[in-house]
N, C-alpha and C. Protein backbone atom coordinates (compact mmCIF):
# COMPACT_ATOMS: atom_id res chain seq x y z
N MET A 1 6.74 4.94 4.92
CA MET A 1 5.65 4.98 5.55
C MET A 1 4.42 4.56 4.55
N SER A 2 3.64 3.53 5.08
CA SER A 2 2.46 3.34 4.08
C SER A 2 1.57 4.28 4.29
N ASP A 3 0.59 4.41 3.23
CA ASP A 3 -0.61 5.31 3.41
C ASP A 3 -1.45 5.28 4.26
N ILE A 4 -1.50 3.82 4.85
CA ILE A 4 -2.19 3.74 5.80
C ILE A 4 -1.69 4.21 7.24
N SER A 5 -0.58 4.46 7.41
CA SER A 5 0.06 4.79 8.52
C SER A 5 0.01 6.44 8.39
N LEU A 6 0.31 7.01 7.31
CA LEU A 6 -0.10 8.50 7.03
C LEU A 6 -1.17 8.69 7.24
N THR A 7 -2.42 8.10 6.78
CA THR A 7 -3.64 8.38 6.87
C THR A 7 -3.67 8.67 8.90
N PHE A 8 -3.37 7.51 9.23
CA PHE A 8 -3.77 7.68 10.73
C PHE A 8 -2.96 9.19 11.52
N LYS A 9 -1.85 8.90 10.89
CA LYS A 9 -0.95 10.11 11.60
C LYS A 9 -1.61 11.45 11.21
N ILE A 10 -2.09 11.65 10.12
CA ILE A 10 -2.86 13.06 9.86
C ILE A 10 -4.01 13.10 10.70
N HIS A 11 -4.50 12.13 10.69
CA HIS A 11 -5.90 11.81 11.55
C HIS A 11 -5.60 12.18 12.91
N GLU A 12 -4.49 11.75 13.49
CA GLU A 12 -4.34 11.92 15.25
C GLU A 12 -3.77 13.42 15.18
N ARG A 13 -3.03 13.88 14.26
CA ARG A 13 -2.19 15.30 14.36
C ARG A 13 -3.47 16.26 14.52
N LEU A 14 -4.24 16.14 13.45
CA LEU A 14 -5.71 16.94 13.37
C LEU A 14 -6.34 17.06 14.63
N GLU A 15 -6.86 15.68 15.15
CA GLU A 15 -7.41 15.54 16.48
C GLU A 15 -6.94 16.11 17.65
N SER A 16 -5.64 16.05 17.59
CA SER A 16 -4.74 16.23 19.04
C SER A 16 -5.08 17.80 18.94
N LYS A 17 -5.15 18.76 17.73
CA LYS A 17 -5.53 20.22 17.86
C LYS A 17 -6.89 20.52 17.81
N GLY A 18 -7.64 19.42 18.52
CA GLY A 18 -9.12 19.87 18.38
C GLY A 18 -9.84 19.95 17.12
N ILE A 19 -9.38 19.54 16.06
CA ILE A 19 -9.94 19.84 14.67
C ILE A 19 -10.49 18.34 14.24
N LEU A 20 -11.82 18.33 14.23
CA LEU A 20 -12.45 17.01 14.14
C LEU A 20 -12.30 16.56 12.34
N CYS A 21 -12.35 15.32 12.32
CA CYS A 21 -11.39 14.68 11.14
C CYS A 21 -12.20 13.30 11.11
N ASN A 22 -12.71 13.05 10.01
CA ASN A 22 -13.12 11.55 9.96
C ASN A 22 -11.81 10.71 9.45
N LEU A 23 -11.89 9.64 9.56
CA LEU A 23 -10.74 8.64 9.25
C LEU A 23 -11.44 7.63 8.37
N ILE A 24 -10.97 7.17 7.21
CA ILE A 24 -11.39 6.20 6.47
C ILE A 24 -10.11 5.28 5.66
N THR A 25 -9.88 4.03 5.90
CA THR A 25 -9.10 3.31 5.39
C THR A 25 -9.87 1.91 4.98
N GLY A 26 -9.18 1.04 4.52
CA GLY A 26 -9.69 -0.12 4.10
C GLY A 26 -10.22 -1.04 5.18
N GLN A 27 -9.53 -0.87 6.32
CA GLN A 27 -9.83 -1.69 7.67
C GLN A 27 -10.62 -0.59 8.57
N GLU A 28 -10.74 0.52 8.50
CA GLU A 28 -11.15 1.40 9.51
C GLU A 28 -12.06 2.44 9.07
N LYS A 29 -12.95 2.88 9.76
CA LYS A 29 -13.87 3.95 9.42
C LYS A 29 -14.23 4.57 10.85
N LEU A 30 -14.08 6.05 10.96
CA LEU A 30 -14.20 6.61 12.15
C LEU A 30 -14.93 8.15 11.42
N ILE A 31 -16.30 7.92 11.63
CA ILE A 31 -16.94 9.52 10.89
C ILE A 31 -17.35 9.82 12.36
N ARG A 32 -16.74 11.73 12.25
CA ARG A 32 -17.50 12.32 13.40
C ARG A 32 -18.40 13.15 12.76
N GLU A 33 -19.21 13.33 13.61
CA GLU A 33 -20.56 14.34 13.31
C GLU A 33 -19.90 15.58 13.27
N ASN A 34 -20.00 16.55 12.25
CA ASN A 34 -19.57 17.98 12.04
C ASN A 34 -18.24 17.86 11.70
N ALA A 35 -17.68 16.84 11.40
CA ALA A 35 -16.29 16.91 10.64
C ALA A 35 -16.13 17.24 9.47
N GLU A 36 -15.25 18.43 9.07
CA GLU A 36 -14.86 19.10 7.56
C GLU A 36 -14.02 18.60 7.05
N ILE A 37 -13.02 17.57 7.66
CA ILE A 37 -11.79 17.13 7.18
C ILE A 37 -12.06 15.84 7.11
N VAL A 38 -11.45 15.27 5.98
CA VAL A 38 -11.19 13.39 5.81
C VAL A 38 -9.71 13.10 5.43
N SER A 39 -9.51 12.31 6.11
CA SER A 39 -7.99 11.57 6.23
C SER A 39 -8.40 10.11 5.46
N CYS A 40 -8.01 9.82 4.27
CA CYS A 40 -8.42 8.58 3.80
C CYS A 40 -7.14 8.15 3.07
N THR A 41 -7.05 6.66 2.72
CA THR A 41 -6.21 6.23 2.04
C THR A 41 -6.68 6.43 0.23
N ILE A 42 -5.83 6.53 -0.46
CA ILE A 42 -6.20 6.66 -1.93
C ILE A 42 -7.53 5.90 -2.52
N GLU A 43 -7.35 4.65 -2.15
CA GLU A 43 -8.39 3.56 -2.58
C GLU A 43 -9.61 3.88 -1.93
N THR A 44 -9.82 4.63 -1.07
CA THR A 44 -11.08 5.02 -0.07
C THR A 44 -11.45 6.82 -0.32
N SER A 45 -10.78 7.07 -1.18
CA SER A 45 -11.34 8.25 -1.36
C SER A 45 -12.45 8.53 -2.47
N ASN A 46 -13.50 9.52 -1.89
CA ASN A 46 -14.91 9.14 -2.30
C ASN A 46 -14.90 10.33 -3.49
N ILE A 47 -14.75 9.89 -4.72
CA ILE A 47 -15.08 10.53 -5.93
C ILE A 47 -16.74 11.23 -6.10
N GLY A 48 -17.66 10.70 -5.20
CA GLY A 48 -19.14 11.35 -5.10
C GLY A 48 -19.15 12.75 -4.51
N GLU A 49 -18.14 12.87 -3.63
CA GLU A 49 -18.39 13.72 -2.72
C GLU A 49 -18.09 15.14 -3.21
N VAL A 50 -18.27 16.48 -2.89
CA VAL A 50 -17.58 17.81 -3.18
C VAL A 50 -16.78 18.36 -2.18
N TYR A 51 -15.69 18.56 -2.37
CA TYR A 51 -14.57 19.33 -1.67
C TYR A 51 -14.36 20.52 -2.07
N ASN A 52 -14.11 21.25 -1.00
CA ASN A 52 -13.21 22.44 -1.11
C ASN A 52 -11.74 22.23 -1.86
N VAL A 53 -10.91 21.70 -0.97
CA VAL A 53 -9.84 21.37 -1.13
C VAL A 53 -9.53 19.79 -0.82
N ALA A 54 -8.75 19.09 -1.75
CA ALA A 54 -7.95 17.86 -1.60
C ALA A 54 -6.62 17.83 -1.79
N VAL A 55 -6.17 17.06 -0.96
CA VAL A 55 -4.67 16.49 -1.31
C VAL A 55 -4.25 15.18 -1.52
N ILE A 56 -3.53 15.06 -2.60
CA ILE A 56 -3.57 13.71 -2.93
C ILE A 56 -1.90 13.79 -2.37
N ASP A 57 -1.49 12.89 -1.56
CA ASP A 57 0.10 12.63 -1.56
C ASP A 57 0.59 11.10 -2.02
N GLU A 58 1.90 11.48 -2.25
CA GLU A 58 2.55 10.30 -2.90
C GLU A 58 2.20 10.29 -4.37
N ILE A 59 1.90 11.23 -5.15
CA ILE A 59 1.55 11.64 -6.38
C ILE A 59 2.18 10.39 -7.53
N GLN A 60 3.41 10.63 -7.14
CA GLN A 60 4.29 9.58 -8.02
C GLN A 60 4.15 8.05 -8.21
N MET A 61 3.20 7.73 -7.38
CA MET A 61 2.34 6.52 -7.24
C MET A 61 1.72 6.18 -8.38
N ILE A 62 0.94 7.28 -9.32
CA ILE A 62 0.42 7.14 -10.27
C ILE A 62 0.71 6.43 -11.34
N GLY A 63 2.24 6.12 -11.18
CA GLY A 63 2.99 5.26 -12.31
C GLY A 63 3.39 3.76 -11.79
N ASP A 64 2.45 3.41 -10.72
CA ASP A 64 2.76 2.15 -10.10
C ASP A 64 1.86 1.25 -10.87
N GLU A 65 2.65 0.18 -11.24
CA GLU A 65 1.52 -0.94 -11.81
C GLU A 65 0.44 -1.77 -11.30
N GLU A 66 0.61 -1.82 -10.07
CA GLU A 66 -0.40 -2.33 -9.20
C GLU A 66 -1.50 -1.51 -8.44
N ARG A 67 -1.00 -0.21 -8.17
CA ARG A 67 -2.08 0.63 -7.21
C ARG A 67 -2.09 1.77 -8.24
N GLY A 68 -1.18 2.28 -9.20
CA GLY A 68 -1.42 3.61 -9.78
C GLY A 68 -2.75 4.04 -10.24
N SER A 69 -3.93 2.93 -10.62
CA SER A 69 -5.29 3.48 -11.06
C SER A 69 -5.74 3.92 -9.86
N ALA A 70 -5.50 3.78 -8.57
CA ALA A 70 -6.32 4.33 -7.54
C ALA A 70 -5.82 6.07 -7.55
N TRP A 71 -4.64 6.28 -7.60
CA TRP A 71 -4.21 7.83 -7.64
C TRP A 71 -4.57 8.57 -9.15
N THR A 72 -4.88 7.74 -10.41
CA THR A 72 -5.39 8.13 -11.42
C THR A 72 -6.90 8.42 -11.43
N ASN A 73 -7.70 7.56 -10.59
CA ASN A 73 -9.04 7.67 -10.27
C ASN A 73 -9.08 8.96 -9.51
N ALA A 74 -8.48 9.22 -8.48
CA ALA A 74 -8.26 10.37 -7.38
C ALA A 74 -8.12 11.83 -8.23
N LEU A 75 -7.36 11.75 -8.90
CA LEU A 75 -6.81 12.88 -9.48
C LEU A 75 -7.84 13.36 -10.73
N LEU A 76 -8.30 12.45 -11.34
CA LEU A 76 -9.04 12.85 -12.57
C LEU A 76 -10.50 12.78 -11.85
N GLY A 77 -11.00 12.06 -10.85
CA GLY A 77 -12.37 11.84 -10.24
C GLY A 77 -13.06 12.62 -9.05
N LEU A 78 -11.71 13.42 -8.30
CA LEU A 78 -12.43 14.09 -7.45
C LEU A 78 -12.93 15.53 -7.49
N GLN A 79 -14.13 15.70 -6.83
CA GLN A 79 -14.63 17.05 -7.26
C GLN A 79 -14.21 17.83 -6.44
N ALA A 80 -13.00 18.92 -6.31
CA ALA A 80 -12.70 19.88 -5.49
C ALA A 80 -12.34 20.96 -6.41
N SER A 81 -12.30 22.05 -5.77
CA SER A 81 -12.01 23.38 -6.66
C SER A 81 -10.31 23.42 -6.70
N THR A 82 -9.86 22.83 -5.63
CA THR A 82 -8.55 22.89 -5.60
C THR A 82 -7.91 21.56 -5.32
N ILE A 83 -6.98 20.94 -5.95
CA ILE A 83 -6.38 19.71 -5.85
C ILE A 83 -4.70 20.19 -5.49
N HIS A 84 -4.45 19.71 -4.27
CA HIS A 84 -2.72 19.74 -4.02
C HIS A 84 -2.27 18.54 -4.28
N LEU A 85 -1.26 18.24 -5.35
CA LEU A 85 -0.56 17.19 -5.44
C LEU A 85 0.85 17.23 -4.37
N CYS A 86 1.05 16.35 -3.75
CA CYS A 86 2.38 16.28 -3.20
C CYS A 86 3.17 14.92 -3.51
N GLY A 87 4.68 15.04 -3.96
CA GLY A 87 5.10 13.61 -4.16
C GLY A 87 6.64 14.24 -5.14
N GLU A 88 7.06 13.25 -5.29
CA GLU A 88 8.29 13.08 -6.19
C GLU A 88 8.07 13.62 -7.45
N GLU A 89 9.20 14.44 -8.10
CA GLU A 89 8.80 15.21 -9.44
C GLU A 89 8.76 14.16 -10.30
N ARG A 90 9.13 12.94 -10.40
CA ARG A 90 9.17 12.02 -11.42
C ARG A 90 7.76 11.97 -12.04
N ALA A 91 6.74 12.32 -11.29
CA ALA A 91 5.11 12.24 -11.78
C ALA A 91 4.93 13.19 -12.40
N LEU A 92 5.55 14.22 -12.71
CA LEU A 92 5.15 15.86 -13.17
C LEU A 92 4.69 15.51 -14.65
N LEU A 93 5.97 14.81 -15.40
CA LEU A 93 5.49 14.53 -17.10
C LEU A 93 3.97 13.97 -17.10
N LEU A 94 3.69 12.99 -16.32
CA LEU A 94 2.32 12.52 -16.51
C LEU A 94 1.15 13.21 -16.38
N VAL A 95 1.35 14.28 -14.81
CA VAL A 95 0.21 14.87 -14.45
C VAL A 95 0.15 16.05 -15.25
N LYS A 96 1.08 16.52 -16.14
CA LYS A 96 1.26 17.48 -17.16
C LYS A 96 0.42 17.12 -18.26
N LYS A 97 0.50 15.92 -18.69
CA LYS A 97 -0.08 15.16 -19.87
C LYS A 97 -1.43 15.11 -19.72
N LEU A 98 -1.59 14.65 -18.44
CA LEU A 98 -3.25 14.21 -18.02
C LEU A 98 -4.11 15.81 -17.95
N CYS A 99 -3.45 16.88 -17.48
CA CYS A 99 -4.02 18.21 -17.43
C CYS A 99 -4.05 18.70 -18.78
N GLU A 100 -3.28 18.58 -19.74
CA GLU A 100 -3.37 18.89 -21.00
C GLU A 100 -4.42 18.02 -21.54
N ILE A 101 -5.01 16.93 -21.65
CA ILE A 101 -5.85 16.39 -22.01
C ILE A 101 -7.00 16.63 -21.29
N THR A 102 -7.37 17.09 -20.09
CA THR A 102 -8.24 17.52 -19.30
C THR A 102 -8.71 18.79 -19.55
N GLY A 103 -8.01 19.50 -19.88
CA GLY A 103 -7.87 21.08 -20.06
C GLY A 103 -8.00 21.65 -18.53
N ASP A 104 -7.22 20.83 -17.42
CA ASP A 104 -7.22 21.44 -16.28
C ASP A 104 -5.84 22.47 -15.94
N TYR A 105 -6.29 23.35 -15.05
CA TYR A 105 -4.98 24.09 -14.91
C TYR A 105 -3.94 23.43 -14.01
N LEU A 106 -2.81 23.33 -13.95
CA LEU A 106 -1.61 23.06 -13.43
C LEU A 106 -0.68 24.32 -12.98
N GLU A 107 -0.68 24.43 -11.89
CA GLU A 107 0.34 25.33 -11.21
C GLU A 107 1.35 24.46 -10.37
N GLU A 108 2.64 24.58 -10.89
CA GLU A 108 3.73 23.90 -10.27
C GLU A 108 4.31 24.53 -9.22
N ARG A 109 4.72 23.91 -8.04
CA ARG A 109 5.37 24.64 -7.13
C ARG A 109 6.38 23.43 -6.52
N LYS A 110 7.78 24.10 -6.06
CA LYS A 110 8.44 23.22 -5.58
C LYS A 110 8.85 23.79 -4.13
N TYR A 111 9.04 22.75 -3.21
CA TYR A 111 9.27 23.21 -1.95
C TYR A 111 10.74 22.51 -1.34
N GLN A 112 11.43 23.33 -0.52
CA GLN A 112 12.45 22.89 -0.22
C GLN A 112 12.22 21.19 1.15
N ARG A 113 12.94 20.48 1.18
CA ARG A 113 12.63 19.60 2.15
C ARG A 113 13.32 19.89 3.35
N TYR A 114 12.74 19.75 4.36
CA TYR A 114 13.39 20.09 5.80
C TYR A 114 14.37 19.32 6.08
N SER A 115 14.31 17.99 5.73
CA SER A 115 15.43 16.96 6.31
C SER A 115 15.96 16.23 5.08
N ARG A 116 17.15 15.94 5.13
CA ARG A 116 17.93 15.15 4.06
C ARG A 116 17.23 13.78 4.05
N ILE A 117 17.08 13.35 2.75
CA ILE A 117 16.73 11.87 2.55
C ILE A 117 17.75 11.05 1.86
N PHE A 118 18.23 10.07 2.00
CA PHE A 118 19.14 9.52 1.29
C PHE A 118 18.92 7.71 1.18
N VAL A 119 19.50 7.39 0.26
CA VAL A 119 18.98 5.87 0.19
C VAL A 119 20.42 5.03 0.47
N GLU A 120 20.33 4.26 1.30
CA GLU A 120 21.47 3.23 1.64
C GLU A 120 22.42 2.91 0.59
N GLU A 121 23.64 2.76 0.62
CA GLU A 121 24.28 2.42 -0.43
C GLU A 121 24.61 1.11 -0.46
N LYS A 122 24.44 0.15 0.72
CA LYS A 122 24.57 -1.28 0.77
C LYS A 122 23.42 -1.69 1.50
N PRO A 123 23.23 -3.12 1.43
CA PRO A 123 22.13 -3.49 2.18
C PRO A 123 22.36 -3.50 3.89
N PHE A 124 21.69 -3.31 4.78
CA PHE A 124 21.47 -3.52 6.10
C PHE A 124 20.45 -4.08 6.73
N SER A 125 20.81 -4.52 8.10
CA SER A 125 19.98 -5.26 8.65
C SER A 125 18.85 -4.19 9.44
N ILE A 126 17.71 -5.08 9.83
CA ILE A 126 16.72 -3.96 10.47
C ILE A 126 17.36 -3.55 11.88
N GLN A 127 18.08 -4.31 12.38
CA GLN A 127 18.61 -4.07 13.64
C GLN A 127 19.61 -3.18 13.88
N ASP A 128 19.91 -2.50 12.78
CA ASP A 128 21.11 -1.26 12.65
C ASP A 128 20.26 0.06 12.27
N LEU A 129 18.79 0.10 12.48
CA LEU A 129 17.98 1.36 12.40
C LEU A 129 18.33 2.16 13.62
N GLN A 130 18.39 3.66 13.31
CA GLN A 130 18.64 4.09 14.57
C GLN A 130 17.18 5.17 14.65
N GLU A 131 17.20 5.99 15.59
CA GLU A 131 16.36 6.78 16.08
C GLU A 131 16.36 7.91 14.87
N GLY A 132 15.30 8.15 14.10
CA GLY A 132 14.95 9.15 12.98
C GLY A 132 15.23 8.60 11.74
N ASP A 133 15.53 7.15 11.74
CA ASP A 133 15.68 6.33 10.21
C ASP A 133 13.99 6.00 10.15
N CYS A 134 13.96 5.68 8.82
CA CYS A 134 12.74 5.56 8.12
C CYS A 134 12.66 4.47 7.15
N ILE A 135 11.73 3.63 7.17
CA ILE A 135 11.74 2.68 6.14
C ILE A 135 10.50 2.92 5.31
N ILE A 136 10.52 2.96 3.97
CA ILE A 136 9.13 3.31 3.15
C ILE A 136 9.05 2.31 2.02
N THR A 137 7.98 1.84 2.27
CA THR A 137 7.27 0.85 1.72
C THR A 137 6.10 0.85 0.99
N PHE A 138 5.57 0.34 -0.18
CA PHE A 138 4.29 1.05 -0.84
C PHE A 138 3.25 -0.24 -0.94
N SER A 139 3.46 -1.40 -0.55
CA SER A 139 2.73 -2.68 -0.38
C SER A 139 2.34 -2.95 0.92
N THR A 140 1.43 -3.27 0.99
CA THR A 140 0.65 -4.13 2.04
C THR A 140 1.58 -5.15 2.50
N LYS A 141 2.05 -6.26 1.62
CA LYS A 141 2.89 -7.19 1.79
C LYS A 141 4.08 -6.94 2.42
N SER A 142 4.76 -5.81 1.77
CA SER A 142 6.04 -5.27 2.40
C SER A 142 5.95 -5.03 3.76
N VAL A 143 4.84 -4.23 3.93
CA VAL A 143 4.52 -3.62 5.23
C VAL A 143 4.36 -4.83 6.39
N HIS A 144 3.60 -6.05 6.05
CA HIS A 144 3.50 -7.50 6.84
C HIS A 144 4.90 -8.08 7.27
N GLN A 145 5.81 -8.06 6.02
CA GLN A 145 6.77 -8.47 5.99
C GLN A 145 7.81 -7.83 7.16
N LEU A 146 7.87 -6.39 6.93
CA LEU A 146 8.73 -5.34 7.90
C LEU A 146 8.41 -5.99 9.14
N LYS A 147 6.73 -5.93 9.35
CA LYS A 147 6.38 -6.01 10.71
C LYS A 147 6.83 -7.43 11.31
N ASN A 148 6.83 -8.22 10.66
CA ASN A 148 7.22 -9.63 11.14
C ASN A 148 8.61 -9.95 11.57
N VAL A 149 9.56 -9.26 10.74
CA VAL A 149 10.73 -8.87 11.10
C VAL A 149 11.36 -8.00 12.30
N CYS A 150 10.43 -7.20 12.65
CA CYS A 150 10.56 -6.39 13.75
C CYS A 150 10.04 -6.84 14.69
């Protein structure tokens, strides 16, 4: 799932529960008066705003050659009392090193995944996808390529 899709999904989930939530992506901006929550893509995160809590998902993308700087900017620039980082464990060493350099406190917590995730062992066709299957891609180009195939 792309971060734009995740941004929309979070926004829709909160709004369906009656929780006002702003939505900000590179293509969309929906600002609700009195909303105390913002769902945004990493590139549109506002480091000039002060937050109580910030959640950065897909923190492993901090190591990505193309987009990693957006995660680094958010991690080092967000003004929040607490920042929750969610993602793969492979980012942990880099995050620990950044926290050592900046003097920030890091509390590590591991959670059990509710559903099993596995990588297909052999190539498959888009037509072979079944209900509950998920394709994960991290570039806009890949999302558009998949959209054209489906």
